[in-house]
Protein backbone atom coordinates (compact mmCIF):
# COMPACT_ATOMS: atom_id res chain seq x y z
CA MET A 1 70.69 126.26 95.29
CA SER A 2 74.96 126.49 95.91
CA ILE A 3 76.66 127.99 98.05
CA LYS A 4 78.00 129.76 94.92
CA ASP A 5 75.00 130.64 94.00
CA ARG A 6 72.88 131.73 96.89
CA LEU A 7 76.45 134.83 97.25
CA SER A 8 75.69 135.64 94.08
CA ARG A 9 71.88 136.51 94.25
CA ALA A 10 73.10 138.43 97.49
CA VAL A 11 75.76 140.83 95.94
CA ARG A 12 72.75 141.35 92.70
CA SER A 13 70.19 142.12 95.71
CA GLY A 14 73.03 144.38 97.17
CA GLU A 15 73.76 142.09 100.50
CA SER A 16 77.21 143.31 101.47
CA CYS A 17 79.79 140.40 102.90
CA GLY A 18 79.47 142.30 106.35
CA ASP A 19 76.26 141.45 106.05
CA LEU A 20 76.47 137.78 105.05
CA GLU A 21 78.94 137.23 108.56
CA ARG A 22 76.34 138.21 110.52
CA ARG A 23 74.92 135.98 109.56
CA VAL A 24 76.76 132.94 109.72
CA ALA A 25 77.58 133.97 112.67
CA GLU A 26 74.18 134.32 113.95
CA LEU A 27 73.27 130.53 112.54
CA GLU A 28 76.56 129.45 114.43
CA ALA A 29 74.81 130.34 117.29
CA GLU A 30 71.89 128.75 116.63
CA VAL A 31 73.88 125.49 115.78
CA GLN A 32 75.54 125.76 118.86
CA GLU A 33 71.71 126.17 121.15
CA CYS A 34 70.40 123.13 119.17
CA ARG A 35 73.37 121.32 120.11
CA ASN A 36 73.36 121.56 123.76
CA VAL A 37 69.44 121.73 124.50
CA ASN A 38 70.11 117.75 122.12
CA LEU A 39 72.94 117.41 124.88
CA ARG A 40 70.83 118.03 127.25
CA VAL A 41 68.27 115.92 126.58
CA ALA A 42 70.03 113.50 125.84
CA GLU A 43 71.67 113.77 129.28
CA LEU A 44 68.02 114.05 130.81
CA THR A 45 67.49 110.34 129.51
CA ASP A 46 69.88 109.16 130.64
CA LEU A 47 69.11 110.01 134.10
CA VAL A 48 65.87 108.32 133.63
CA THR A 49 66.78 105.02 131.94
CA GLN A 50 68.67 104.35 134.65
CA LEU A 51 66.39 105.31 137.39
CA LEU A 52 63.55 102.77 136.08
CA VAL A 53 65.42 99.24 137.51
CA PRO A 54 66.01 101.21 141.22
CA LEU A 55 62.50 102.76 141.24
CA ALA A 56 60.97 99.90 139.94
CA SER A 57 62.68 97.78 142.23
CA GLY A 58 62.38 100.06 145.45
CA ASP A 59 66.24 100.67 145.66
CA GLN A 60 65.71 104.59 146.96
CA GLU A 61 69.52 104.32 148.30
CA LYS A 62 70.59 103.72 144.55
CA VAL A 63 67.54 107.16 143.09
CA ARG A 64 69.39 109.14 145.40
CA GLU A 65 72.63 109.00 144.40
CA LEU A 66 72.25 108.98 140.51
CA VAL A 67 70.30 112.17 141.53
CA GLU A 68 72.21 114.01 143.98
CA GLY A 69 75.42 112.57 140.72
CA TYR A 70 73.23 114.80 138.15
CA HIS A 71 72.91 117.60 140.45
CA SER A 72 75.99 117.37 140.88
CA GLY A 73 77.14 117.71 137.35
CA LEU A 74 75.74 120.86 136.71
């Protein structure tokens, strides 16, 4: 269904422009929240990937450095 069709349907059902604007604002906030969560997951995935090699080789100093760098970036 096109945006034009949806708007026509909303107007026929009695929804005001204010209702539609409020709903769009809610959806935009939800999209931004999803983006933030995805970014956080990507950052954690990068950290885990970076930690695998030092952990496997027993390089505790490198592990400590990576974790401290991650915590300071929060």
